[in-house]
Amino acid sequence: MDAVAPTEIELITEIARRYYEGDATQADIAAEFGLSRMKVSRLLRQAREEGVVDVRIRVHRAIASDIEARLCQRFQIKRALIAADRGDPEAQRADLALVVADFLERELFDGATIAVGMGRNVAAVADTRGRAVVENAVFVCATGGAHRAGEPGNADHICRKLARRFGGTPETLYAPAYVPEAALRDALLRNQTVRRTLDVARSADFALIGIGDLGEESHMVRMGWFKREEILAARAAGVVGDLMGYDFFDLEGRERNEILGGRVIGLRLEEMRAIPHVVAIASEANKALALLAALRTGVIDILATSLANAQSILALDEATRLSGSAGTAQA
């Protein structure tokens, strides 16, 4: 998109303010500014495209507050960020990303350190439009890179975009995300460069992470990190999800790393527990069970998901507790 002259930026902003805040009609604005209605319509569309105006459907405050209170009480989390339900997965991911971006704009502070995972939901937050809100923040990779993920899906690329979006600087973890053997992973973790970057991530004020579900579309499966028979064996053993491949857990939130664990270079569950604000983001409709299990690990401080997922989590939690099929880490 071509750069917009400052005078036109001011015009777009003023017209958007009159239309969305002042309740003026397009005809009123056209007459006031000496423009055609077609021109006014184009400028309003441009205001939405360039992020001057954010038009979206939100969950009603009463519903969102009730769901958030129930989630916070049940799982002892600090916040729940709830996006309205959308039928299209990409639209759902984009809407949830806006909710998370709003939260970060309110909560980030100058000098904050943010540990960043990889994946589509975290990347979507970096793709939101808005103004930089902090200075001297550090967005540090909490996992290494993966060639098959492509540049947009890697934590390094996401960190750079988050730094531009919210303000601050990125810090890269110079290591692969996945290695085939635990011994190689341990050796890389002893490397001074890798260890120093992960030390920064361990001392972060915030973490932005995704939740995996071991489904066919999960990040690890798409990356080809594990063999199909390993995934099936892990499922059969009761593994229902992972925190970006760092650690795996069952429905009760207990670590289950005997089959798939120890091959991803990044923060571990116990290390993330020390981060004050761990924001877990999952927009996909098939992740309710993995989200429930992730909440039961006790690692998550802020849950970001759709209204339908939030309702499903509470229903599944109630059903599993009543049936006695799972306890919880918070009970």
C-alpha atoms as a PDB file:
ATOM      1  CA  MET A   1       0.000   0.000   0.000  1.00  0.00           C
ATOM      2  CA  ASP A   2       1.328   3.432  -0.909  1.00  0.00           C
ATOM      3  CA  ALA A   3       2.307   5.788   1.890  1.00  0.00           C
ATOM      4  CA  VAL A   4      -0.441   8.234   2.866  1.00  0.00           C
ATOM      5  CA  ALA A   5       0.390  11.920   3.146  1.00  0.00           C
ATOM      6  CA  PRO A   6       0.107  13.312   6.692  1.00  0.00           C
ATOM      7  CA  THR A   7      -2.721  15.633   5.663  1.00  0.00           C
ATOM      8  CA  GLU A   8      -4.761  12.675   4.378  1.00  0.00           C
ATOM      9  CA  ILE A   9      -4.008  10.699   7.553  1.00  0.00           C
ATOM     10  CA  GLU A  10      -5.460  13.572   9.553  1.00  0.00           C
ATOM     11  CA  LEU A  11      -8.488  13.694   7.250  1.00  0.00           C
ATOM     12  CA  ILE A  12      -9.058   9.936   7.552  1.00  0.00           C
ATOM     13  CA  THR A  13      -8.812  10.098  11.343  1.00  0.00           C
ATOM     14  CA  GLU A  14     -11.191  13.052  11.634  1.00  0.00           C
ATOM     15  CA  ILE A  15     -13.763  11.531   9.295  1.00  0.00           C
ATOM     16  CA  ALA A  16     -13.584   8.213  11.175  1.00  0.00           C
ATOM     17  CA  ARG A  17     -14.058  10.063  14.464  1.00  0.00           C
ATOM     18  CA  ARG A  18     -17.121  11.929  13.170  1.00  0.00           C
ATOM     19  CA  TYR A  19     -18.657   8.752  11.733  1.00  0.00           C
ATOM     20  CA  TYR A  20     -17.965   6.262  14.555  1.00  0.00           C
ATOM     21  CA  GLU A  21     -17.947   8.544  17.616  1.00  0.00           C
ATOM     22  CA  GLY A  22     -20.027  11.525  16.547  1.00  0.00           C
ATOM     23  CA  ASP A  23     -22.813   9.543  14.827  1.00  0.00           C
ATOM     24  CA  ALA A  24     -22.587  11.703  11.696  1.00  0.00           C
ATOM     25  CA  THR A  25     -23.875  10.097   8.492  1.00  0.00           C
ATOM     26  CA  GLN A  26     -21.734   9.787   5.380  1.00  0.00           C
ATOM     27  CA  ALA A  27     -23.944  12.431   3.780  1.00  0.00           C
ATOM     28  CA  ASP A  28     -23.332  14.786   6.735  1.00  0.00           C
ATOM     29  CA  ILE A  29     -19.566  14.265   6.474  1.00  0.00           C
ATOM     30  CA  ALA A  30     -19.576  14.734   2.693  1.00  0.00           C
ATOM     31  CA  ALA A  31     -21.365  18.058   3.056  1.00  0.00           C
ATOM     32  CA  GLU A  32     -19.123  19.243   5.902  1.00  0.00           C
ATOM     33  CA  PHE A  33     -15.842  18.456   4.154  1.00  0.00           C
ATOM     34  CA  GLY A  34     -16.925  19.205   0.598  1.00  0.00           C
ATOM     35  CA  LEU A  35     -16.398  15.590  -0.532  1.00  0.00           C
ATOM     36  CA  SER A  36     -18.478  13.134  -2.494  1.00  0.00           C
ATOM     37  CA  ARG A  37     -20.186  10.324  -0.561  1.00  0.00           C
ATOM     38  CA  MET A  38     -18.110   7.862  -2.580  1.00  0.00           C
ATOM     39  CA  LYS A  39     -14.916   9.563  -1.341  1.00  0.00           C
ATOM     40  CA  VAL A  40     -16.145   9.465   2.270  1.00  0.00           C
ATOM     41  CA  SER A  41     -16.973   5.767   1.914  1.00  0.00           C
ATOM     42  CA  ARG A  42     -13.497   5.077   0.501  1.00  0.00           C
ATOM     43  CA  LEU A  43     -11.794   6.966   3.340  1.00  0.00           C
ATOM     44  CA  LEU A  44     -13.800   5.072   5.978  1.00  0.00           C
ATOM     45  CA  ARG A  45     -12.814   1.781   4.350  1.00  0.00           C
ATOM     46  CA  GLN A  46      -9.190   2.955   4.327  1.00  0.00           C
ATOM     47  CA  ALA A  47      -9.469   3.816   8.031  1.00  0.00           C
ATOM     48  CA  ARG A  48     -10.408   0.198   8.756  1.00  0.00           C
ATOM     49  CA  GLU A  49      -7.717  -1.248   6.476  1.00  0.00           C
ATOM     50  CA  GLU A  50      -4.950   0.858   8.032  1.00  0.00           C
ATOM     51  CA  GLY A  51      -5.946   0.187  11.632  1.00  0.00           C
ATOM     52  CA  VAL A  52      -7.221   3.703  12.387  1.00  0.00           C
ATOM     53  CA  VAL A  53     -10.574   2.086  13.187  1.00  0.00           C
ATOM     54  CA  ASP A  54     -11.020  -1.374  14.693  1.00  0.00           C
ATOM     55  CA  VAL A  55     -14.501  -2.704  13.946  1.00  0.00           C
ATOM     56  CA  ARG A  56     -15.309  -6.094  15.430  1.00  0.00           C
ATOM     57  CA  ILE A  57     -17.963  -8.064  17.293  1.00  0.00           C
ATOM     58  CA  ARG A  58     -17.123  -8.592  20.957  1.00  0.00           C
ATOM     59  CA  VAL A  59     -18.504 -10.953  23.570  1.00  0.00           C
ATOM     60  CA  HIS A  60     -21.058  -9.082  25.686  1.00  0.00           C
ATOM     61  CA  ARG A  61     -19.478  -7.831  28.912  1.00  0.00           C
ATOM     62  CA  ALA A  62     -21.919  -9.745  31.108  1.00  0.00           C
ATOM     63  CA  ILE A  63     -21.200 -13.053  29.374  1.00  0.00           C
ATOM     64  CA  ALA A  64     -17.433 -12.490  29.192  1.00  0.00           C
ATOM     65  CA  SER A  65     -17.266 -11.457  32.870  1.00  0.00           C
ATOM     66  CA  ASP A  66     -19.201 -14.540  33.974  1.00  0.00           C
ATOM     67  CA  ILE A  67     -17.048 -16.934  31.924  1.00  0.00           C
ATOM     68  CA  GLU A  68     -13.838 -15.229  33.071  1.00  0.00           C
ATOM     69  CA  ALA A  69     -14.865 -15.378  36.731  1.00  0.00           C
ATOM     70  CA  ARG A  70     -15.685 -19.081  36.468  1.00  0.00           C
ATOM     71  CA  LEU A  71     -12.389 -19.893  34.735  1.00  0.00           C
ATOM     72  CA  CYS A  72     -10.353 -17.844  37.199  1.00  0.00           C
ATOM     73  CA  GLN A  73     -12.062 -19.438  40.194  1.00  0.00           C
ATOM     74  CA  ARG A  74     -11.815 -22.982  38.883  1.00  0.00           C
ATOM     75  CA  PHE A  75      -8.218 -22.890  37.615  1.00  0.00           C
ATOM     76  CA  GLN A  76      -6.735 -20.102  39.748  1.00  0.00           C
ATOM     77  CA  ILE A  77      -5.688 -18.066  36.712  1.00  0.00           C
ATOM     78  CA  LYS A  78      -5.394 -14.272  36.682  1.00  0.00           C
ATOM     79  CA  ARG A  79      -7.351 -13.452  33.532  1.00  0.00           C
ATOM     80  CA  ALA A  80      -9.322 -14.994  30.693  1.00  0.00           C
ATOM     81  CA  LEU A  81      -9.367 -13.173  27.345  1.00  0.00           C
ATOM     82  CA  ILE A  82     -12.439 -14.276  25.415  1.00  0.00           C
ATOM     83  CA  ALA A  83     -13.082 -13.650  21.708  1.00  0.00           C
ATOM     84  CA  ALA A  84     -16.485 -13.918  20.043  1.00  0.00           C
ATOM     85  CA  ASP A  85     -17.088 -17.103  18.062  1.00  0.00           C
ATOM     86  CA  ARG A  86     -16.404 -17.044  14.338  1.00  0.00           C
ATOM     87  CA  GLY A  87     -17.182 -19.773  11.813  1.00  0.00           C
ATOM     88  CA  ASP A  88     -13.996 -19.278   9.814  1.00  0.00           C
ATOM     89  CA  PRO A  89     -10.784 -20.517  11.537  1.00  0.00           C
ATOM     90  CA  GLU A  90      -8.630 -17.718  10.129  1.00  0.00           C
ATOM     91  CA  ALA A  91     -11.149 -15.076  11.192  1.00  0.00           C
ATOM     92  CA  GLN A  92     -11.295 -16.691  14.646  1.00  0.00           C
ATOM     93  CA  ARG A  93      -7.518 -16.583  14.967  1.00  0.00           C
ATOM     94  CA  ALA A  94      -7.399 -12.938  13.848  1.00  0.00           C
ATOM     95  CA  ASP A  95     -10.161 -11.882  16.258  1.00  0.00           C
ATOM     96  CA  LEU A  96      -8.501 -13.616  19.195  1.00  0.00           C
ATOM     97  CA  ALA A  97      -5.193 -11.994  18.256  1.00  0.00           C
ATOM     98  CA  LEU A  98      -6.845  -8.571  18.520  1.00  0.00           C
ATOM     99  CA  VAL A  99      -8.114  -9.416  22.011  1.00  0.00           C
ATOM    100  CA  VAL A 100      -4.593 -10.444  23.073  1.00  0.00           C
ATOM    101  CA  ALA A 101      -3.121  -7.306  21.468  1.00  0.00           C
ATOM    102  CA  ASP A 102      -5.563  -5.147  23.442  1.00  0.00           C
ATOM    103  CA  PHE A 103      -4.414  -6.875  26.628  1.00  0.00           C
ATOM    104  CA  LEU A 104      -0.740  -6.320  25.804  1.00  0.00           C
ATOM    105  CA  GLU A 105      -1.324  -2.648  24.989  1.00  0.00           C
ATOM    106  CA  ARG A 106      -2.809  -2.229  28.478  1.00  0.00           C
ATOM    107  CA  GLU A 107      -0.381  -4.390  30.437  1.00  0.00           C
ATOM    108  CA  LEU A 108       3.082  -4.100  28.869  1.00  0.00           C
ATOM    109  CA  PHE A 109       5.417  -1.641  30.544  1.00  0.00           C
ATOM    110  CA  ASP A 110       8.699   0.019  29.606  1.00  0.00           C
ATOM    111  CA  GLY A 111      11.602  -2.365  30.065  1.00  0.00           C
ATOM    112  CA  ALA A 112       9.431  -5.493  30.152  1.00  0.00           C
ATOM    113  CA  THR A 113      10.790  -8.801  28.858  1.00  0.00           C
ATOM    114  CA  ILE A 114       8.447 -11.013  26.854  1.00  0.00           C
ATOM    115  CA  ALA A 115       9.329 -14.661  26.097  1.00  0.00           C
ATOM    116  CA  VAL A 116       7.848 -15.696  22.743  1.00  0.00           C
ATOM    117  CA  GLY A 117       6.916 -19.103  21.352  1.00  0.00           C
ATOM    118  CA  MET A 118       6.268 -20.076  17.752  1.00  0.00           C
ATOM    119  CA  GLY A 119       3.073 -20.989  15.902  1.00  0.00           C
ATOM    120  CA  ARG A 120       0.103 -19.462  14.136  1.00  0.00           C
ATOM    121  CA  ASN A 121      -1.737 -18.080  17.159  1.00  0.00           C
ATOM    122  CA  VAL A 122       1.284 -16.234  18.531  1.00  0.00           C
ATOM    123  CA  ALA A 123       2.196 -15.018  15.049  1.00  0.00           C
ATOM    124  CA  ALA A 124      -1.319 -13.605  14.591  1.00  0.00           C
ATOM    125  CA  VAL A 125      -0.788 -11.279  17.572  1.00  0.00           C
ATOM    126  CA  ALA A 126       2.313  -9.867  15.887  1.00  0.00           C
ATOM    127  CA  ASP A 127       0.262  -9.263  12.734  1.00  0.00           C
ATOM    128  CA  THR A 128      -2.276  -6.989  14.445  1.00  0.00           C
ATOM    129  CA  ARG A 129      -2.170  -3.302  13.714  1.00  0.00           C
ATOM    130  CA  GLY A 130      -1.730  -0.630  16.313  1.00  0.00           C
ATOM    131  CA  ARG A 131       0.701   1.789  17.860  1.00  0.00           C
ATOM    132  CA  ALA A 132       3.859   0.998  19.798  1.00  0.00           C
ATOM    133  CA  VAL A 133       3.080   1.386  23.496  1.00  0.00           C
ATOM    134  CA  VAL A 134       6.372   0.743  25.316  1.00  0.00           C
ATOM    135  CA  GLU A 135      10.076   1.501  25.115  1.00  0.00           C
ATOM    136  CA  ASN A 136      13.052  -0.721  25.847  1.00  0.00           C
ATOM    137  CA  ALA A 137      11.004  -3.912  25.964  1.00  0.00           C
ATOM    138  CA  VAL A 138      12.761  -7.130  24.947  1.00  0.00           C
ATOM    139  CA  PHE A 139      10.954  -9.803  22.941  1.00  0.00           C
ATOM    140  CA  VAL A 140      13.073 -12.927  23.355  1.00  0.00           C
ATOM    141  CA  CYS A 141      12.692 -16.271  21.584  1.00  0.00           C
ATOM    142  CA  ALA A 142      11.626 -18.982  24.020  1.00  0.00           C
ATOM    143  CA  THR A 143      12.256 -21.665  21.412  1.00  0.00           C
ATOM    144  CA  GLY A 144      14.629 -22.233  18.525  1.00  0.00           C
ATOM    145  CA  GLY A 145      13.888 -22.065  14.818  1.00  0.00           C
ATOM    146  CA  ALA A 146      12.606 -24.609  12.300  1.00  0.00           C
ATOM    147  CA  HIS A 147      13.253 -24.475   8.560  1.00  0.00           C
ATOM    148  CA  ARG A 148       9.959 -26.152   7.646  1.00  0.00           C
ATOM    149  CA  ALA A 149       7.979 -23.629   9.669  1.00  0.00           C
ATOM    150  CA  GLY A 150       8.995 -20.925   7.207  1.00  0.00           C
ATOM    151  CA  GLU A 151      10.062 -17.500   8.334  1.00  0.00           C
ATOM    152  CA  PRO A 152       6.610 -16.246   9.458  1.00  0.00           C
ATOM    153  CA  GLY A 153       6.078 -19.191  11.810  1.00  0.00           C
ATOM    154  CA  ASN A 154       9.402 -19.007  13.652  1.00  0.00           C
ATOM    155  CA  ALA A 155       9.784 -17.343  17.035  1.00  0.00           C
ATOM    156  CA  ASP A 156      12.608 -15.143  15.702  1.00  0.00           C
ATOM    157  CA  HIS A 157      10.404 -13.625  12.996  1.00  0.00           C
ATOM    158  CA  ILE A 158       7.498 -13.273  15.439  1.00  0.00           C
ATOM    159  CA  CYS A 159       9.761 -11.528  17.966  1.00  0.00           C
ATOM    160  CA  ARG A 160      10.892  -8.998  15.387  1.00  0.00           C
ATOM    161  CA  LYS A 161       7.308  -8.234  14.372  1.00  0.00           C
ATOM    162  CA  LEU A 162       6.162  -7.980  18.009  1.00  0.00           C
ATOM    163  CA  ALA A 163       8.988  -5.537  18.739  1.00  0.00           C
ATOM    164  CA  ARG A 164       7.878  -3.339  15.838  1.00  0.00           C
ATOM    165  CA  ARG A 165       4.216  -3.661  16.821  1.00  0.00           C
ATOM    166  CA  PHE A 166       4.469  -2.916  20.558  1.00  0.00           C
ATOM    167  CA  GLY A 167       7.884  -1.273  20.909  1.00  0.00           C
ATOM    168  CA  GLY A 168      11.272  -2.647  21.913  1.00  0.00           C
ATOM    169  CA  THR A 169      13.905  -4.959  20.504  1.00  0.00           C
ATOM    170  CA  PRO A 170      13.969  -8.668  19.549  1.00  0.00           C
ATOM    171  CA  GLU A 171      16.460 -11.258  20.776  1.00  0.00           C
ATOM    172  CA  THR A 172      17.066 -14.438  18.770  1.00  0.00           C
ATOM    173  CA  LEU A 173      17.732 -17.908  20.152  1.00  0.00           C
ATOM    174  CA  TYR A 174      20.492 -19.268  17.912  1.00  0.00           C
ATOM    175  CA  ALA A 175      19.480 -22.922  18.007  1.00  0.00           C
ATOM    176  CA  PRO A 176      17.137 -25.299  16.184  1.00  0.00           C
ATOM    177  CA  ALA A 177      13.705 -25.813  17.709  1.00  0.00           C
ATOM    178  CA  TYR A 178      13.869 -29.583  17.318  1.00  0.00           C
ATOM    179  CA  VAL A 179      16.698 -32.112  17.528  1.00  0.00           C
ATOM    180  CA  PRO A 180      16.314 -35.888  17.102  1.00  0.00           C
ATOM    181  CA  GLU A 181      17.986 -36.913  20.360  1.00  0.00           C
ATOM    182  CA  ALA A 182      17.775 -35.763  23.965  1.00  0.00           C
ATOM    183  CA  ALA A 183      21.574 -35.925  24.299  1.00  0.00           C
ATOM    184  CA  LEU A 184      22.021 -33.402  21.484  1.00  0.00           C
ATOM    185  CA  ARG A 185      19.399 -31.157  23.045  1.00  0.00           C
ATOM    186  CA  ASP A 186      21.214 -31.264  26.391  1.00  0.00           C
ATOM    187  CA  ALA A 187      24.514 -30.429  24.694  1.00  0.00           C
ATOM    188  CA  LEU A 188      23.001 -27.414  22.935  1.00  0.00           C
ATOM    189  CA  LEU A 189      21.442 -26.217  26.178  1.00  0.00           C
ATOM    190  CA  ARG A 190      24.947 -26.129  27.678  1.00  0.00           C
ATOM    191  CA  ASN A 191      26.145 -23.859  24.872  1.00  0.00           C
ATOM    192  CA  GLN A 192      26.945 -20.407  26.272  1.00  0.00           C
ATOM    193  CA  THR A 193      25.035 -18.474  23.586  1.00  0.00           C
ATOM    194  CA  VAL A 194      21.946 -20.659  23.856  1.00  0.00           C
ATOM    195  CA  ARG A 195      22.059 -20.661  27.650  1.00  0.00           C
ATOM    196  CA  ARG A 196      22.358 -16.872  27.849  1.00  0.00           C
ATOM    197  CA  THR A 197      19.306 -16.292  25.623  1.00  0.00           C
ATOM    198  CA  LEU A 198      17.232 -18.840  27.523  1.00  0.00           C
ATOM    199  CA  ASP A 199      18.279 -17.181  30.788  1.00  0.00           C
ATOM    200  CA  VAL A 200      16.738 -13.951  29.467  1.00  0.00           C
ATOM    201  CA  ALA A 201      13.569 -15.862  28.579  1.00  0.00           C
ATOM    202  CA  ARG A 202      13.452 -17.517  32.024  1.00  0.00           C
ATOM    203  CA  SER A 203      13.497 -14.100  33.709  1.00  0.00           C
ATOM    204  CA  ALA A 204      10.698 -12.719  31.487  1.00  0.00           C
ATOM    205  CA  ASP A 205       7.762 -10.741  32.821  1.00  0.00           C
ATOM    206  CA  PHE A 206       5.396 -12.151  30.182  1.00  0.00           C
ATOM    207  CA  ALA A 207       5.312 -15.226  27.944  1.00  0.00           C
ATOM    208  CA  LEU A 208       3.228 -15.687  24.790  1.00  0.00           C
ATOM    209  CA  ILE A 209       2.769 -19.366  23.992  1.00  0.00           C
ATOM    210  CA  GLY A 210       0.514 -21.661  21.993  1.00  0.00           C
ATOM    211  CA  ILE A 211      -1.060 -24.960  23.040  1.00  0.00           C
ATOM    212  CA  GLY A 212      -0.590 -28.130  20.993  1.00  0.00           C
ATOM    213  CA  ASP A 213      -3.105 -30.979  20.842  1.00  0.00           C
ATOM    214  CA  LEU A 214      -1.226 -33.736  18.951  1.00  0.00           C
ATOM    215  CA  GLY A 215      -3.861 -33.506  16.214  1.00  0.00           C
ATOM    216  CA  GLU A 216      -3.141 -33.915  12.518  1.00  0.00           C
ATOM    217  CA  GLU A 217      -2.885 -30.120  12.129  1.00  0.00           C
ATOM    218  CA  SER A 218      -0.755 -29.544  15.202  1.00  0.00           C
ATOM    219  CA  HIS A 219       2.474 -27.619  14.756  1.00  0.00           C
ATOM    220  CA  MET A 220       4.698 -30.571  15.601  1.00  0.00           C
ATOM    221  CA  VAL A 221       2.916 -32.909  13.225  1.00  0.00           C
ATOM    222  CA  ARG A 222       3.089 -30.373  10.396  1.00  0.00           C
ATOM    223  CA  MET A 223       6.796 -29.889  11.074  1.00  0.00           C
ATOM    224  CA  GLY A 224       7.395 -33.649  10.907  1.00  0.00           C
ATOM    225  CA  TRP A 225       9.209 -33.621  14.251  1.00  0.00           C
ATOM    226  CA  PHE A 226       7.766 -36.940  15.398  1.00  0.00           C
ATOM    227  CA  LYS A 227       6.881 -40.156  13.622  1.00  0.00           C
ATOM    228  CA  ARG A 228       3.218 -41.026  13.219  1.00  0.00           C
ATOM    229  CA  GLU A 229       3.646 -44.117  15.403  1.00  0.00           C
ATOM    230  CA  GLU A 230       5.168 -41.975  18.161  1.00  0.00           C
ATOM    231  CA  ILE A 231       2.193 -39.617  18.093  1.00  0.00           C
ATOM    232  CA  LEU A 232      -0.231 -42.569  18.202  1.00  0.00           C
ATOM    233  CA  ALA A 233       1.699 -44.189  21.051  1.00  0.00           C
ATOM    234  CA  ALA A 234       1.650 -40.948  23.024  1.00  0.00           C
ATOM    235  CA  ARG A 235      -2.095 -40.577  22.522  1.00  0.00           C
ATOM    236  CA  ALA A 236      -2.643 -44.187  23.582  1.00  0.00           C
ATOM    237  CA  ALA A 237      -0.608 -43.492  26.732  1.00  0.00           C
ATOM    238  CA  GLY A 238      -2.929 -40.609  27.619  1.00  0.00           C
ATOM    239  CA  VAL A 239      -1.006 -37.583  26.304  1.00  0.00           C
ATOM    240  CA  VAL A 240      -3.485 -34.905  25.201  1.00  0.00           C
ATOM    241  CA  GLY A 241      -1.362 -31.809  24.591  1.00  0.00           C
ATOM    242  CA  ASP A 242       1.871 -29.872  24.840  1.00  0.00           C
ATOM    243  CA  LEU A 243       3.155 -26.377  25.484  1.00  0.00           C
ATOM    244  CA  MET A 244       4.868 -25.741  22.132  1.00  0.00           C
ATOM    245  CA  GLY A 245       6.598 -29.109  22.302  1.00  0.00           C
ATOM    246  CA  TYR A 246       8.546 -28.187  25.449  1.00  0.00           C
ATOM    247  CA  ASP A 247       6.648 -30.617  27.657  1.00  0.00           C
ATOM    248  CA  PHE A 248       3.737 -32.986  27.198  1.00  0.00           C
ATOM    249  CA  PHE A 249       0.903 -33.600  29.614  1.00  0.00           C
ATOM    250  CA  ASP A 250      -2.113 -35.815  30.187  1.00  0.00           C
ATOM    251  CA  LEU A 251      -5.677 -34.791  30.974  1.00  0.00           C
ATOM    252  CA  GLU A 252      -4.812 -34.290  34.626  1.00  0.00           C
ATOM    253  CA  GLY A 253      -2.058 -31.823  33.724  1.00  0.00           C
ATOM    254  CA  ARG A 254       0.740 -34.193  34.704  1.00  0.00           C
ATOM    255  CA  GLU A 255       3.975 -34.194  32.692  1.00  0.00           C
ATOM    256  CA  ARG A 256       4.223 -37.141  30.284  1.00  0.00           C
ATOM    257  CA  ASN A 257       7.523 -36.869  28.457  1.00  0.00           C
ATOM    258  CA  GLU A 258       8.516 -40.511  28.240  1.00  0.00           C
ATOM    259  CA  ILE A 259       7.616 -40.865  24.535  1.00  0.00           C
ATOM    260  CA  LEU A 260       7.924 -37.440  22.903  1.00  0.00           C
ATOM    261  CA  GLY A 261       9.767 -35.274  25.404  1.00  0.00           C
ATOM    262  CA  GLY A 262      13.330 -34.013  25.509  1.00  0.00           C
ATOM    263  CA  ARG A 263      13.816 -33.041  21.860  1.00  0.00           C
ATOM    264  CA  VAL A 264      12.656 -29.420  21.634  1.00  0.00           C
ATOM    265  CA  ILE A 265      14.960 -26.583  22.642  1.00  0.00           C
ATOM    266  CA  GLY A 266      13.047 -24.072  24.727  1.00  0.00           C
ATOM    267  CA  LEU A 267      11.705 -23.372  28.184  1.00  0.00           C
ATOM    268  CA  ARG A 268      10.395 -26.231  30.311  1.00  0.00           C
ATOM    269  CA  LEU A 269       7.150 -26.294  32.303  1.00  0.00           C
ATOM    270  CA  GLU A 270       8.877 -25.604  35.609  1.00  0.00           C
ATOM    271  CA  GLU A 271      10.726 -22.660  34.075  1.00  0.00           C
ATOM    272  CA  MET A 272       7.534 -21.119  32.717  1.00  0.00           C
ATOM    273  CA  ARG A 273       5.900 -21.405  36.138  1.00  0.00           C
ATOM    274  CA  ALA A 274       8.361 -18.755  37.341  1.00  0.00           C
ATOM    275  CA  ILE A 275       7.184 -16.234  34.696  1.00  0.00           C
ATOM    276  CA  PRO A 276       4.522 -13.957  36.266  1.00  0.00           C
ATOM    277  CA  HIS A 277       2.246 -13.640  33.223  1.00  0.00           C
ATOM    278  CA  VAL A 278       2.113 -16.684  30.940  1.00  0.00           C
ATOM    279  CA  VAL A 279      -0.427 -16.000  28.191  1.00  0.00           C
ATOM    280  CA  ALA A 280      -1.613 -19.174  26.437  1.00  0.00           C
ATOM    281  CA  ILE A 281      -3.346 -18.529  23.106  1.00  0.00           C
ATOM    282  CA  ALA A 282      -5.500 -21.069  21.246  1.00  0.00           C
ATOM    283  CA  SER A 283      -8.245 -20.185  18.776  1.00  0.00           C
ATOM    284  CA  GLU A 284      -8.907 -23.613  17.239  1.00  0.00           C
ATOM    285  CA  ALA A 285     -12.237 -25.271  18.032  1.00  0.00           C
ATOM    286  CA  ASN A 286     -10.619 -28.703  18.448  1.00  0.00           C
ATOM    287  CA  LYS A 287      -8.325 -27.661  21.299  1.00  0.00           C
ATOM    288  CA  ALA A 288     -10.738 -27.535  24.234  1.00  0.00           C
ATOM    289  CA  LEU A 289      -9.440 -30.795  25.755  1.00  0.00           C
ATOM    290  CA  ALA A 290      -5.794 -29.759  25.361  1.00  0.00           C
ATOM    291  CA  LEU A 291      -6.607 -26.360  26.873  1.00  0.00           C
ATOM    292  CA  LEU A 292      -8.294 -27.990  29.863  1.00  0.00           C
ATOM    293  CA  ALA A 293      -5.245 -30.186  30.445  1.00  0.00           C
ATOM    294  CA  ALA A 294      -2.892 -27.213  29.986  1.00  0.00           C
ATOM    295  CA  LEU A 295      -4.830 -25.234  32.585  1.00  0.00           C
ATOM    296  CA  ARG A 296      -4.451 -28.136  34.974  1.00  0.00           C
ATOM    297  CA  THR A 297      -0.647 -27.948  34.724  1.00  0.00           C
ATOM    298  CA  GLY A 298      -0.773 -24.726  36.729  1.00  0.00           C
ATOM    299  CA  VAL A 299       1.547 -22.980  34.251  1.00  0.00           C
ATOM    300  CA  ILE A 300      -1.002 -20.687  32.575  1.00  0.00           C
ATOM    301  CA  ASP A 301      -1.783 -17.283  34.096  1.00  0.00           C
ATOM    302  CA  ILE A 302      -3.854 -15.764  31.285  1.00  0.00           C
ATOM    303  CA  LEU A 303      -5.969 -17.887  28.953  1.00  0.00           C
ATOM    304  CA  ALA A 304      -6.876 -16.476  25.537  1.00  0.00           C
ATOM    305  CA  THR A 305      -9.440 -18.415  23.526  1.00  0.00           C
ATOM    306  CA  SER A 306     -12.890 -18.294  21.940  1.00  0.00           C
ATOM    307  CA  LEU A 307     -16.183 -18.185  23.822  1.00  0.00           C
ATOM    308  CA  ALA A 308     -17.101 -21.679  22.595  1.00  0.00           C
ATOM    309  CA  ASN A 309     -13.754 -23.086  23.764  1.00  0.00           C
ATOM    310  CA  ALA A 310     -14.114 -21.412  27.156  1.00  0.00           C
ATOM    311  CA  GLN A 311     -17.588 -22.889  27.621  1.00  0.00           C
ATOM    312  CA  SER A 312     -16.350 -26.313  26.488  1.00  0.00           C
ATOM    313  CA  ILE A 313     -13.430 -26.193  28.947  1.00  0.00           C
ATOM    314  CA  LEU A 314     -15.789 -25.571  31.860  1.00  0.00           C
ATOM    315  CA  ALA A 315     -18.189 -28.292  30.713  1.00  0.00           C
ATOM    316  CA  LEU A 316     -15.370 -30.807  30.192  1.00  0.00           C
ATOM    317  CA  ASP A 317     -13.865 -29.965  33.553  1.00  0.00           C
ATOM    318  CA  GLU A 318     -17.200 -30.538  35.265  1.00  0.00           C
ATOM    319  CA  ALA A 319     -17.798 -33.799  33.397  1.00  0.00           C
ATOM    320  CA  THR A 320     -14.346 -35.240  34.140  1.00  0.00           C
ATOM    321  CA  ARG A 321     -14.509 -34.278  37.804  1.00  0.00           C
ATOM    322  CA  LEU A 322     -17.972 -35.788  38.217  1.00  0.00           C
ATOM    323  CA  SER A 323     -16.970 -38.977  36.435  1.00  0.00           C
ATOM    324  CA  GLY A 324     -13.786 -39.236  38.474  1.00  0.00           C
ATOM    325  CA  SER A 325     -11.787 -39.774  35.288  1.00  0.00           C
ATOM    326  CA  ALA A 326      -9.399 -36.918  36.020  1.00  0.00           C
ATOM    327  CA  GLY A 327      -8.299 -34.811  38.890  1.00  0.00           C
ATOM    328  CA  THR A 328      -6.884 -31.343  38.519  1.00  0.00           C
ATOM    329  CA  ALA A 329      -3.634 -29.733  39.460  1.00  0.00           C
ATOM    330  CA  GLN A 330      -5.663 -26.960  41.088  1.00  0.00           C
ATOM    331  CA  ALA A 331      -8.073 -29.089  43.126  1.00  0.00           C
END
